[in-house]
Amino acid sequence: MEIAKFQALIERIYYERDASRGLAGTHMWFCEEVGELTRALRRNEVDDLEGEFADVLAWLATLASIAGVDLERAACRKYARGCPRCHETPCGCG
């Protein structure tokens, strides 16, 4: 699935509720999900990693939507030429 399609899907599922919560409140939920991913990584809970990564991506997408950011466009603008700093792939920054 393309990033833009995923962001649109998350908007259809959650945007109304997340937008009414606001950016700050939704960001706190995002941070909680990042914490759950961190815990799964630390504990090497391999069976939980896929779901936790998906949750973090979904919350990131909804935050971007609330903030009016097109994630696919933002990612392409920043990373299409490789590393944003040195423009190399792989990164040559030392």
C-alpha atoms as a PDB file:
ATOM      1  CA  MET A   1       0.000   0.000   0.000  1.00  0.00           C
ATOM      2  CA  GLU A   2       1.286   3.460  -0.840  1.00  0.00           C
ATOM      3  CA  ILE A   3       1.805   5.929   1.979  1.00  0.00           C
ATOM      4  CA  ALA A   4      -0.897   8.290   0.675  1.00  0.00           C
ATOM      5  CA  LYS A   5      -3.434   5.453   0.457  1.00  0.00           C
ATOM      6  CA  PHE A   6      -2.587   4.340   3.990  1.00  0.00           C
ATOM      7  CA  GLN A   7      -2.956   7.884   5.317  1.00  0.00           C
ATOM      8  CA  ALA A   8      -6.334   8.200   3.544  1.00  0.00           C
ATOM      9  CA  LEU A   9      -7.457   4.853   5.015  1.00  0.00           C
ATOM     10  CA  ILE A  10      -6.523   5.955   8.537  1.00  0.00           C
ATOM     11  CA  GLU A  11      -8.385   9.231   7.950  1.00  0.00           C
ATOM     12  CA  ARG A  12     -11.529   7.324   6.934  1.00  0.00           C
ATOM     13  CA  ILE A  13     -11.309   5.117  10.023  1.00  0.00           C
ATOM     14  CA  TYR A  14     -10.203   7.573  12.735  1.00  0.00           C
ATOM     15  CA  TYR A  15      -9.956  11.200  11.556  1.00  0.00           C
ATOM     16  CA  GLU A  16     -13.209  12.519  13.016  1.00  0.00           C
ATOM     17  CA  ARG A  17     -12.493  11.163  16.497  1.00  0.00           C
ATOM     18  CA  ASP A  18      -8.782  12.022  16.450  1.00  0.00           C
ATOM     19  CA  ALA A  19      -9.330  15.541  15.112  1.00  0.00           C
ATOM     20  CA  SER A  20     -11.926  16.227  17.816  1.00  0.00           C
ATOM     21  CA  ARG A  21      -9.348  15.107  20.409  1.00  0.00           C
ATOM     22  CA  GLY A  22      -6.907  17.605  18.928  1.00  0.00           C
ATOM     23  CA  LEU A  23      -3.268  17.472  17.994  1.00  0.00           C
ATOM     24  CA  ALA A  24      -1.928  17.523  21.565  1.00  0.00           C
ATOM     25  CA  GLY A  25      -4.237  14.768  22.815  1.00  0.00           C
ATOM     26  CA  THR A  26      -3.625  12.621  19.766  1.00  0.00           C
ATOM     27  CA  HIS A  27       0.116  13.122  20.140  1.00  0.00           C
ATOM     28  CA  MET A  28      -0.086  11.684  23.655  1.00  0.00           C
ATOM     29  CA  TRP A  29      -1.749   8.544  22.233  1.00  0.00           C
ATOM     30  CA  PHE A  30       1.003   8.367  19.602  1.00  0.00           C
ATOM     31  CA  CYS A  31       3.653   8.544  22.335  1.00  0.00           C
ATOM     32  CA  GLU A  32       1.911   5.734  24.226  1.00  0.00           C
ATOM     33  CA  GLU A  33       2.052   3.571  21.090  1.00  0.00           C
ATOM     34  CA  VAL A  34       5.754   4.358  20.644  1.00  0.00           C
ATOM     35  CA  GLY A  35       6.209   3.239  24.243  1.00  0.00           C
ATOM     36  CA  GLU A  36       4.480  -0.058  23.498  1.00  0.00           C
ATOM     37  CA  LEU A  37       6.761  -0.572  20.494  1.00  0.00           C
ATOM     38  CA  THR A  38       9.787   0.237  22.649  1.00  0.00           C
ATOM     39  CA  ARG A  39       8.692  -2.293  25.250  1.00  0.00           C
ATOM     40  CA  ALA A  40       8.205  -4.994  22.604  1.00  0.00           C
ATOM     41  CA  LEU A  41      11.650  -4.267  21.150  1.00  0.00           C
ATOM     42  CA  ARG A  42      13.334  -4.324  24.560  1.00  0.00           C
ATOM     43  CA  ARG A  43      11.658  -7.575  25.535  1.00  0.00           C
ATOM     44  CA  ASN A  44      12.294  -9.085  22.110  1.00  0.00           C
ATOM     45  CA  GLU A  45       8.567  -9.826  21.769  1.00  0.00           C
ATOM     46  CA  VAL A  46       8.860 -10.783  18.110  1.00  0.00           C
ATOM     47  CA  ASP A  47       5.208 -11.819  17.780  1.00  0.00           C
ATOM     48  CA  ASP A  48       4.073  -8.331  18.865  1.00  0.00           C
ATOM     49  CA  LEU A  49       6.454  -6.234  16.747  1.00  0.00           C
ATOM     50  CA  GLU A  50       4.458  -6.214  13.516  1.00  0.00           C
ATOM     51  CA  GLY A  51       1.327  -4.960  15.247  1.00  0.00           C
ATOM     52  CA  GLU A  52       3.198  -2.370  17.286  1.00  0.00           C
ATOM     53  CA  PHE A  53       4.953  -0.985  14.197  1.00  0.00           C
ATOM     54  CA  ALA A  54       1.590  -0.815  12.415  1.00  0.00           C
ATOM     55  CA  ASP A  55       0.030   1.026  15.367  1.00  0.00           C
ATOM     56  CA  VAL A  56       2.834   3.596  15.447  1.00  0.00           C
ATOM     57  CA  LEU A  57       2.484   4.150  11.706  1.00  0.00           C
ATOM     58  CA  ALA A  58      -1.283   4.596  12.022  1.00  0.00           C
ATOM     59  CA  TRP A  59      -0.946   7.133  14.831  1.00  0.00           C
ATOM     60  CA  LEU A  60       1.764   8.983  12.884  1.00  0.00           C
ATOM     61  CA  ALA A  61      -0.537   9.118   9.863  1.00  0.00           C
ATOM     62  CA  THR A  62      -3.432  10.504  11.896  1.00  0.00           C
ATOM     63  CA  LEU A  63      -1.158  13.129  13.478  1.00  0.00           C
ATOM     64  CA  ALA A  64       0.005  14.176  10.021  1.00  0.00           C
ATOM     65  CA  SER A  65      -3.597  14.418   8.812  1.00  0.00           C
ATOM     66  CA  ILE A  66      -4.633  16.577  11.755  1.00  0.00           C
ATOM     67  CA  ALA A  67      -1.612  18.820  11.104  1.00  0.00           C
ATOM     68  CA  GLY A  68      -2.422  19.021   7.381  1.00  0.00           C
ATOM     69  CA  VAL A  69       0.721  17.172   6.274  1.00  0.00           C
ATOM     70  CA  ASP A  70       0.757  14.761   3.322  1.00  0.00           C
ATOM     71  CA  LEU A  71       3.160  12.104   4.585  1.00  0.00           C
ATOM     72  CA  GLU A  72       4.014  10.710   1.153  1.00  0.00           C
ATOM     73  CA  ARG A  73       4.848  14.147  -0.243  1.00  0.00           C
ATOM     74  CA  ALA A  74       6.834  15.075   2.869  1.00  0.00           C
ATOM     75  CA  ALA A  75       8.860  11.849   2.765  1.00  0.00           C
ATOM     76  CA  CYS A  76       9.578  12.217  -0.945  1.00  0.00           C
ATOM     77  CA  ARG A  77      10.639  15.837  -0.592  1.00  0.00           C
ATOM     78  CA  LYS A  78      13.014  15.021   2.230  1.00  0.00           C
ATOM     79  CA  TYR A  79      14.465  11.633   1.216  1.00  0.00           C
ATOM     80  CA  ALA A  80      14.100  11.238  -2.579  1.00  0.00           C
ATOM     81  CA  ARG A  81      17.725  12.261  -3.145  1.00  0.00           C
ATOM     82  CA  GLY A  82      19.077  10.053  -0.375  1.00  0.00           C
ATOM     83  CA  CYS A  83      20.359  11.383   2.904  1.00  0.00           C
ATOM     84  CA  PRO A  84      18.969  14.906   3.409  1.00  0.00           C
ATOM     85  CA  ARG A  85      22.380  16.098   4.583  1.00  0.00           C
ATOM     86  CA  CYS A  86      24.892  14.515   2.188  1.00  0.00           C
ATOM     87  CA  HIS A  87      22.450  13.359  -0.547  1.00  0.00           C
ATOM     88  CA  GLU A  88      24.184   9.964  -0.698  1.00  0.00           C
ATOM     89  CA  THR A  89      22.690   6.475  -0.601  1.00  0.00           C
ATOM     90  CA  PRO A  90      23.754   4.897   1.634  1.00  0.00           C
ATOM     91  CA  CYS A  91      24.403   7.882   3.844  1.00  0.00           C
ATOM     92  CA  GLY A  92      28.009   9.021   3.816  1.00  0.00           C
ATOM     93  CA  CYS A  93      27.742  11.260   6.872  1.00  0.00           C
ATOM     94  CA  GLY A  94      30.251  10.123   9.420  1.00  0.00           C
END
